[in-house]
PDB file of all heavy atoms in Angstrom:
ATOM      1  N   GLN A   1      43.157   8.583  -9.608  1.00  0.00           N
ATOM      2  CA  GLN A   1      44.525   8.966  -9.271  1.00  0.00           C
ATOM      3  C   GLN A   1      44.668   9.265  -7.782  1.00  0.00           C
ATOM      4  O   GLN A   1      45.772   9.250  -7.233  1.00  0.00           O
ATOM      5  CB  GLN A   1      44.934  10.206 -10.071  1.00  0.00           C
ATOM      6  CG  GLN A   1      44.868  10.031 -11.583  1.00  0.00           C
ATOM      7  CD  GLN A   1      45.147  11.340 -12.316  1.00  0.00           C
ATOM      8  OE1 GLN A   1      46.233  11.914 -12.209  1.00  0.00           O
ATOM      9  NE2 GLN A   1      44.159  11.829 -13.051  1.00  0.00           N
ATOM     10  N   ILE A   2      43.542   9.536  -7.131  1.00  0.00           N
ATOM     11  CA  ILE A   2      43.539   9.859  -5.700  1.00  0.00           C
ATOM     12  C   ILE A   2      43.331   8.608  -4.858  1.00  0.00           C
ATOM     13  O   ILE A   2      43.990   8.402  -3.847  1.00  0.00           O
ATOM     14  CB  ILE A   2      42.440  10.902  -5.414  1.00  0.00           C
ATOM     15  CG1 ILE A   2      42.772  12.199  -6.156  1.00  0.00           C
ATOM     16  CG2 ILE A   2      42.289  11.140  -3.921  1.00  0.00           C
ATOM     17  CD1 ILE A   2      41.649  13.200  -6.180  1.00  0.00           C
ATOM     18  N   CYS A   3      42.398   7.754  -5.289  1.00  0.00           N
ATOM     19  CA  CYS A   3      42.166   6.477  -4.616  1.00  0.00           C
ATOM     20  C   CYS A   3      41.615   5.499  -5.649  1.00  0.00           C
ATOM     21  O   CYS A   3      40.905   5.912  -6.575  1.00  0.00           O
ATOM     22  CB  CYS A   3      41.194   6.629  -3.444  1.00  0.00           C
ATOM     23  SG  CYS A   3      39.559   7.193  -3.936  1.00  0.00           S
ATOM     24  N   PRO A   4      41.923   4.211  -5.527  1.00  0.00           N
ATOM     25  CA  PRO A   4      41.437   3.228  -6.506  1.00  0.00           C
ATOM     26  C   PRO A   4      39.910   3.188  -6.517  1.00  0.00           C
ATOM     27  O   PRO A   4      39.278   3.050  -5.471  1.00  0.00           O
ATOM     28  CB  PRO A   4      42.026   1.910  -6.007  1.00  0.00           C
ATOM     29  CG  PRO A   4      43.178   2.297  -5.146  1.00  0.00           C
ATOM     30  CD  PRO A   4      42.788   3.597  -4.511  1.00  0.00           C
ATOM     31  N   ILE A   5      39.313   3.338  -7.699  1.00  0.00           N
ATOM     32  CA  ILE A   5      37.864   3.319  -7.855  1.00  0.00           C
ATOM     33  C   ILE A   5      37.474   2.215  -8.824  1.00  0.00           C
ATOM     34  O   ILE A   5      38.089   2.068  -9.884  1.00  0.00           O
ATOM     35  CB  ILE A   5      37.337   4.682  -8.367  1.00  0.00           C
ATOM     36  CG1 ILE A   5      37.532   5.770  -7.307  1.00  0.00           C
ATOM     37  CG2 ILE A   5      35.861   4.589  -8.747  1.00  0.00           C
ATOM     38  CD1 ILE A   5      37.160   7.163  -7.784  1.00  0.00           C
ATOM     39  N   ARG A   6      36.462   1.464  -8.458  1.00  0.00           N
ATOM     40  CA  ARG A   6      35.917   0.440  -9.350  1.00  0.00           C
ATOM     41  C   ARG A   6      34.432   0.726  -9.543  1.00  0.00           C
ATOM     42  O   ARG A   6      33.647   0.653  -8.594  1.00  0.00           O
ATOM     43  CB  ARG A   6      36.110  -0.961  -8.741  1.00  0.00           C
ATOM     44  CG  ARG A   6      35.512  -2.087  -9.561  1.00  0.00           C
ATOM     45  CD  ARG A   6      36.275  -2.314 -10.851  1.00  0.00           C
ATOM     46  NE  ARG A   6      35.670  -3.368 -11.650  1.00  0.00           N
ATOM     47  CZ  ARG A   6      35.959  -4.668 -11.535  1.00  0.00           C
ATOM     48  NH1 ARG A   6      36.851  -5.051 -10.626  1.00  0.00           N
ATOM     49  NH2 ARG A   6      35.380  -5.559 -12.303  1.00  0.00           N
ATOM     50  N   ALA A   7      34.054   1.088 -10.762  1.00  0.00           N
ATOM     51  CA  ALA A   7      32.649   1.331 -11.055  1.00  0.00           C
ATOM     52  C   ALA A   7      31.912   0.001 -11.144  1.00  0.00           C
ATOM     53  O   ALA A   7      32.275  -0.874 -11.929  1.00  0.00           O
ATOM     54  CB  ALA A   7      32.518   2.097 -12.369  1.00  0.00           C
ATOM     55  N   VAL A   8      30.868  -0.174 -10.321  1.00  0.00           N
ATOM     56  CA  VAL A   8      30.126  -1.444 -10.277  1.00  0.00           C
ATOM     57  C   VAL A   8      28.654  -1.255 -10.629  1.00  0.00           C
ATOM     58  O   VAL A   8      27.860  -2.173 -10.488  1.00  0.00           O
ATOM     59  CB  VAL A   8      30.255  -2.106  -8.883  1.00  0.00           C
ATOM     60  CG1 VAL A   8      31.695  -2.490  -8.601  1.00  0.00           C
ATOM     61  CG2 VAL A   8      29.725  -1.180  -7.789  1.00  0.00           C
ATOM     62  N   GLY A   9      28.292  -0.054 -11.079  1.00  0.00           N
ATOM     63  CA  GLY A   9      26.884   0.213 -11.365  1.00  0.00           C
ATOM     64  C   GLY A   9      26.529   0.001 -12.825  1.00  0.00           C
ATOM     65  O   GLY A   9      27.403  -0.314 -13.638  1.00  0.00           O
ATOM     66  N   PRO A  10      25.262   0.199 -13.158  1.00  0.00           N
ATOM     67  CA  PRO A  10      24.190   0.477 -12.187  1.00  0.00           C
ATOM     68  C   PRO A  10      23.726  -0.804 -11.500  1.00  0.00           C
ATOM     69  O   PRO A  10      23.412  -1.797 -12.159  1.00  0.00           O
ATOM     70  CB  PRO A  10      23.081   1.078 -13.054  1.00  0.00           C
ATOM     71  CG  PRO A  10      23.305   0.467 -14.418  1.00  0.00           C
ATOM     72  CD  PRO A  10      24.791   0.272 -14.549  1.00  0.00           C
ATOM     73  N   LEU A  11      23.691  -0.776 -10.175  1.00  0.00           N
ATOM     74  CA  LEU A  11      23.332  -1.963  -9.407  1.00  0.00           C
ATOM     75  C   LEU A  11      21.828  -2.238  -9.426  1.00  0.00           C
ATOM     76  O   LEU A  11      21.406  -3.362  -9.181  1.00  0.00           O
ATOM     77  CB  LEU A  11      23.783  -1.806  -7.945  1.00  0.00           C
ATOM     78  CG  LEU A  11      25.302  -1.821  -7.721  1.00  0.00           C
ATOM     79  CD1 LEU A  11      25.627  -1.429  -6.290  1.00  0.00           C
ATOM     80  CD2 LEU A  11      25.879  -3.200  -8.035  1.00  0.00           C
ATOM     81  N   PHE A  12      21.021  -1.217  -9.735  1.00  0.00           N
ATOM     82  CA  PHE A  12      19.569  -1.380  -9.632  1.00  0.00           C
ATOM     83  C   PHE A  12      18.973  -2.173 -10.787  1.00  0.00           C
ATOM     84  O   PHE A  12      17.834  -2.606 -10.723  1.00  0.00           O
ATOM     85  CB  PHE A  12      18.878  -0.015  -9.565  1.00  0.00           C
ATOM     86  CG  PHE A  12      18.814   0.703 -10.887  1.00  0.00           C
ATOM     87  CD1 PHE A  12      17.701   0.567 -11.697  1.00  0.00           C
ATOM     88  CD2 PHE A  12      19.859   1.506 -11.309  1.00  0.00           C
ATOM     89  CE1 PHE A  12      17.639   1.225 -12.917  1.00  0.00           C
ATOM     90  CE2 PHE A  12      19.799   2.169 -12.524  1.00  0.00           C
ATOM     91  CZ  PHE A  12      18.682   2.024 -13.329  1.00  0.00           C
ATOM     92  N   ASN A  13      19.722  -2.373 -11.866  1.00  0.00           N
ATOM     93  CA  ASN A  13      19.126  -2.976 -13.053  1.00  0.00           C
ATOM     94  C   ASN A  13      20.044  -4.047 -13.628  1.00  0.00           C
ATOM     95  O   ASN A  13      20.382  -4.033 -14.806  1.00  0.00           O
ATOM     96  CB  ASN A  13      18.852  -1.897 -14.107  1.00  0.00           C
ATOM     97  CG  ASN A  13      17.993  -2.394 -15.257  1.00  0.00           C
ATOM     98  OD1 ASN A  13      17.203  -3.315 -15.077  1.00  0.00           O
ATOM     99  ND2 ASN A  13      18.155  -1.796 -16.429  1.00  0.00           N
ATOM    100  N   ASN A  14      20.458  -4.980 -12.783  1.00  0.00           N
ATOM    101  CA  ASN A  14      21.371  -6.037 -13.217  1.00  0.00           C
ATOM    102  C   ASN A  14      20.611  -7.345 -13.364  1.00  0.00           C
ATOM    103  O   ASN A  14      20.050  -7.856 -12.395  1.00  0.00           O
ATOM    104  CB  ASN A  14      22.506  -6.193 -12.202  1.00  0.00           C
ATOM    105  CG  ASN A  14      23.650  -7.025 -12.745  1.00  0.00           C
ATOM    106  OD1 ASN A  14      23.441  -8.093 -13.305  1.00  0.00           O
ATOM    107  ND2 ASN A  14      24.866  -6.537 -12.578  1.00  0.00           N
ATOM    108  N   PRO A  15      20.575  -7.930 -14.566  1.00  0.00           N
ATOM    109  CA  PRO A  15      19.800  -9.165 -14.774  1.00  0.00           C
ATOM    110  C   PRO A  15      20.295 -10.337 -13.935  1.00  0.00           C
ATOM    111  O   PRO A  15      19.537 -11.273 -13.668  1.00  0.00           O
ATOM    112  CB  PRO A  15      19.978  -9.444 -16.278  1.00  0.00           C
ATOM    113  CG  PRO A  15      21.197  -8.662 -16.685  1.00  0.00           C
ATOM    114  CD  PRO A  15      21.216  -7.459 -15.803  1.00  0.00           C
ATOM    115  N   LEU A  16      21.551 -10.298 -13.502  1.00  0.00           N
ATOM    116  CA  LEU A  16      22.069 -11.381 -12.667  1.00  0.00           C
ATOM    117  C   LEU A  16      21.353 -11.463 -11.323  1.00  0.00           C
ATOM    118  O   LEU A  16      21.346 -12.506 -10.673  1.00  0.00           O
ATOM    119  CB  LEU A  16      23.574 -11.191 -12.421  1.00  0.00           C
ATOM    120  CG  LEU A  16      24.512 -11.447 -13.602  1.00  0.00           C
ATOM    121  CD1 LEU A  16      25.932 -11.041 -13.233  1.00  0.00           C
ATOM    122  CD2 LEU A  16      24.464 -12.909 -14.019  1.00  0.00           C
ATOM    123  N   LEU A  17      20.739 -10.353 -10.901  1.00  0.00           N
ATOM    124  CA  LEU A  17      20.116 -10.303  -9.578  1.00  0.00           C
ATOM    125  C   LEU A  17      18.651 -10.708  -9.605  1.00  0.00           C
ATOM    126  O   LEU A  17      18.039 -10.885  -8.555  1.00  0.00           O
ATOM    127  CB  LEU A  17      20.252  -8.897  -8.993  1.00  0.00           C
ATOM    128  CG  LEU A  17      21.666  -8.302  -8.983  1.00  0.00           C
ATOM    129  CD1 LEU A  17      21.661  -6.942  -8.326  1.00  0.00           C
ATOM    130  CD2 LEU A  17      22.638  -9.234  -8.283  1.00  0.00           C
ATOM    131  N   GLU A  18      18.086 -10.841 -10.787  1.00  0.00           N
ATOM    132  CA  GLU A  18      16.656 -11.128 -10.886  1.00  0.00           C
ATOM    133  C   GLU A  18      16.321 -12.527 -10.392  1.00  0.00           C
ATOM    134  O   GLU A  18      15.198 -12.817 -10.008  1.00  0.00           O
ATOM    135  CB  GLU A  18      16.180 -10.958 -12.334  1.00  0.00           C
ATOM    136  CG  GLU A  18      16.346  -9.545 -12.873  1.00  0.00           C
ATOM    137  CD  GLU A  18      15.610  -8.524 -12.032  1.00  0.00           C
ATOM    138  OE1 GLU A  18      14.476  -8.810 -11.594  1.00  0.00           O
ATOM    139  OE2 GLU A  18      16.168  -7.436 -11.800  1.00  0.00           O
ATOM    140  N   THR A  19      17.320 -13.426 -10.401  1.00  0.00           N
ATOM    141  CA  THR A  19      17.064 -14.806  -9.984  1.00  0.00           C
ATOM    142  C   THR A  19      17.076 -14.972  -8.472  1.00  0.00           C
ATOM    143  O   THR A  19      16.731 -16.032  -7.968  1.00  0.00           O
ATOM    144  CB  THR A  19      18.119 -15.748 -10.589  1.00  0.00           C
ATOM    145  OG1 THR A  19      19.430 -15.315 -10.187  1.00  0.00           O
ATOM    146  CG2 THR A  19      18.042 -15.726 -12.115  1.00  0.00           C
ATOM    147  N   SER A  20      17.479 -13.937  -7.738  1.00  0.00           N
ATOM    148  CA  SER A  20      17.575 -14.032  -6.279  1.00  0.00           C
ATOM    149  C   SER A  20      16.213 -13.746  -5.654  1.00  0.00           C
ATOM    150  O   SER A  20      16.022 -12.793  -4.909  1.00  0.00           O
ATOM    151  CB  SER A  20      18.625 -13.049  -5.759  1.00  0.00           C
ATOM    152  OG  SER A  20      19.849 -13.214  -6.428  1.00  0.00           O
ATOM    153  N   SER A  21      15.254 -14.583  -5.971  1.00  0.00           N
ATOM    154  CA  SER A  21      13.889 -14.358  -5.505  1.00  0.00           C
ATOM    155  C   SER A  21      13.805 -14.456  -3.990  1.00  0.00           C
ATOM    156  O   SER A  21      14.413 -15.324  -3.375  1.00  0.00           O
ATOM    157  CB  SER A  21      12.945 -15.383  -6.140  1.00  0.00           C
ATOM    158  OG  SER A  21      13.347 -16.695  -5.823  1.00  0.00           O
ATOM    159  N   GLY A  22      13.060 -13.535  -3.397  1.00  0.00           N
ATOM    160  CA  GLY A  22      12.853 -13.554  -1.948  1.00  0.00           C
ATOM    161  C   GLY A  22      13.910 -12.809  -1.174  1.00  0.00           C
ATOM    162  O   GLY A  22      13.700 -12.451  -0.023  1.00  0.00           O
ATOM    163  N   ILE A  23      15.085 -12.558  -1.768  1.00  0.00           N
ATOM    164  CA  ILE A  23      16.155 -11.839  -1.077  1.00  0.00           C
ATOM    165  C   ILE A  23      15.983 -10.365  -1.376  1.00  0.00           C
ATOM    166  O   ILE A  23      16.336  -9.879  -2.439  1.00  0.00           O
ATOM    167  CB  ILE A  23      17.543 -12.330  -1.524  1.00  0.00           C
ATOM    168  CG1 ILE A  23      17.689 -13.831  -1.265  1.00  0.00           C
ATOM    169  CG2 ILE A  23      18.639 -11.564  -0.781  1.00  0.00           C
ATOM    170  CD1 ILE A  23      19.002 -14.407  -1.755  1.00  0.00           C
ATOM    171  N   SER A  24      15.410  -9.667  -0.427  1.00  0.00           N
ATOM    172  CA  SER A  24      15.053  -8.267  -0.642  1.00  0.00           C
ATOM    173  C   SER A  24      15.444  -7.434   0.571  1.00  0.00           C
ATOM    174  O   SER A  24      15.477  -7.931   1.698  1.00  0.00           O
ATOM    175  CB  SER A  24      13.543  -8.152  -0.892  1.00  0.00           C
ATOM    176  OG  SER A  24      13.095  -6.830  -0.772  1.00  0.00           O
ATOM    177  N   GLY A  25      15.733  -6.159   0.309  1.00  0.00           N
ATOM    178  CA  GLY A  25      16.059  -5.252   1.405  1.00  0.00           C
ATOM    179  C   GLY A  25      14.895  -4.375   1.806  1.00  0.00           C
ATOM    180  O   GLY A  25      15.072  -3.423   2.568  1.00  0.00           O
ATOM    181  N   ASP A  26      13.692  -4.691   1.327  1.00  0.00           N
ATOM    182  CA  ASP A  26      12.527  -3.864   1.635  1.00  0.00           C
ATOM    183  C   ASP A  26      12.248  -3.851   3.137  1.00  0.00           C
ATOM    184  O   ASP A  26      12.225  -4.904   3.782  1.00  0.00           O
ATOM    185  CB  ASP A  26      11.289  -4.374   0.904  1.00  0.00           C
ATOM    186  CG  ASP A  26      11.374  -4.138  -0.598  1.00  0.00           C
ATOM    187  OD1 ASP A  26      12.230  -3.354  -1.019  1.00  0.00           O
ATOM    188  OD2 ASP A  26      10.582  -4.747  -1.340  1.00  0.00           O
ATOM    189  N   LEU A  27      11.995  -2.661   3.668  1.00  0.00           N
ATOM    190  CA  LEU A  27      11.648  -2.513   5.077  1.00  0.00           C
ATOM    191  C   LEU A  27      10.143  -2.419   5.283  1.00  0.00           C
ATOM    192  O   LEU A  27       9.660  -2.528   6.403  1.00  0.00           O
ATOM    193  CB  LEU A  27      12.324  -1.261   5.665  1.00  0.00           C
ATOM    194  CG  LEU A  27      13.851  -1.203   5.545  1.00  0.00           C
ATOM    195  CD1 LEU A  27      14.381   0.056   6.210  1.00  0.00           C
ATOM    196  CD2 LEU A  27      14.489  -2.447   6.137  1.00  0.00           C
ATOM    197  N   ILE A  28       9.425  -2.208   4.201  1.00  0.00           N
ATOM    198  CA  ILE A  28       7.966  -2.136   4.242  1.00  0.00           C
ATOM    199  C   ILE A  28       7.411  -3.020   3.138  1.00  0.00           C
ATOM    200  O   ILE A  28       7.873  -2.955   1.997  1.00  0.00           O
ATOM    201  CB  ILE A  28       7.461  -0.691   4.045  1.00  0.00           C
ATOM    202  CG1 ILE A  28       8.006   0.215   5.143  1.00  0.00           C
ATOM    203  CG2 ILE A  28       5.935  -0.637   4.041  1.00  0.00           C
ATOM    204  CD1 ILE A  28       7.682   1.680   4.940  1.00  0.00           C
ATOM    205  N   LYS A  29       6.439  -3.845   3.459  1.00  0.00           N
ATOM    206  CA  LYS A  29       5.837  -4.721   2.461  1.00  0.00           C
ATOM    207  C   LYS A  29       5.112  -3.882   1.414  1.00  0.00           C
ATOM    208  O   LYS A  29       4.240  -3.087   1.726  1.00  0.00           O
ATOM    209  CB  LYS A  29       4.870  -5.702   3.120  1.00  0.00           C
ATOM    210  CG  LYS A  29       4.346  -6.775   2.203  1.00  0.00           C
ATOM    211  CD  LYS A  29       3.491  -7.771   2.986  1.00  0.00           C
ATOM    212  CE  LYS A  29       2.976  -8.881   2.075  1.00  0.00           C
ATOM    213  NZ  LYS A  29       2.060  -8.374   1.049  1.00  0.00           N
ATOM    214  N   ALA A  30       5.478  -4.068   0.158  1.00  0.00           N
ATOM    215  CA  ALA A  30       4.938  -3.229  -0.905  1.00  0.00           C
ATOM    216  C   ALA A  30       3.916  -3.947  -1.781  1.00  0.00           C
ATOM    217  O   ALA A  30       3.340  -3.340  -2.676  1.00  0.00           O
ATOM    218  CB  ALA A  30       6.077  -2.719  -1.792  1.00  0.00           C
ATOM    219  N   ASP A  31       3.674  -5.225  -1.531  1.00  0.00           N
ATOM    220  CA  ASP A  31       2.799  -6.013  -2.406  1.00  0.00           C
ATOM    221  C   ASP A  31       1.375  -5.474  -2.461  1.00  0.00           C
ATOM    222  O   ASP A  31       0.671  -5.666  -3.443  1.00  0.00           O
ATOM    223  CB  ASP A  31       2.762  -7.474  -1.944  1.00  0.00           C
ATOM    224  CG  ASP A  31       4.118  -8.155  -2.107  1.00  0.00           C
ATOM    225  OD1 ASP A  31       4.963  -7.584  -2.821  1.00  0.00           O
ATOM    226  OD2 ASP A  31       4.319  -9.218  -1.530  1.00  0.00           O
ATOM    227  N   ASP A  32       0.932  -4.801  -1.402  1.00  0.00           N
ATOM    228  CA  ASP A  32      -0.461  -4.389  -1.318  1.00  0.00           C
ATOM    229  C   ASP A  32      -0.872  -3.412  -2.421  1.00  0.00           C
ATOM    230  O   ASP A  32      -2.051  -3.285  -2.727  1.00  0.00           O
ATOM    231  CB  ASP A  32      -0.735  -3.746   0.049  1.00  0.00           C
ATOM    232  CG  ASP A  32      -0.548  -4.735   1.193  1.00  0.00           C
ATOM    233  OD1 ASP A  32      -0.608  -5.951   0.932  1.00  0.00           O
ATOM    234  OD2 ASP A  32      -0.328  -4.283   2.317  1.00  0.00           O
ATOM    235  N   CYS A  33       0.074  -2.712  -3.019  1.00  0.00           N
ATOM    236  CA  CYS A  33      -0.270  -1.714  -4.030  1.00  0.00           C
ATOM    237  C   CYS A  33      -0.150  -2.243  -5.452  1.00  0.00           C
ATOM    238  O   CYS A  33      -0.494  -1.539  -6.405  1.00  0.00           O
ATOM    239  CB  CYS A  33       0.596  -0.471  -3.880  1.00  0.00           C
ATOM    240  SG  CYS A  33       2.333  -0.752  -4.283  1.00  0.00           S
TER     241      CYS A  33
END
């Protein structure tokens, strides 16, 4: 009622994003662990 809100979450667990291989926002390489 104060401002238009669109709930788009949870963004962390969306199966549509699993196919985007290689597109990552990681700032540190995590593969070593």
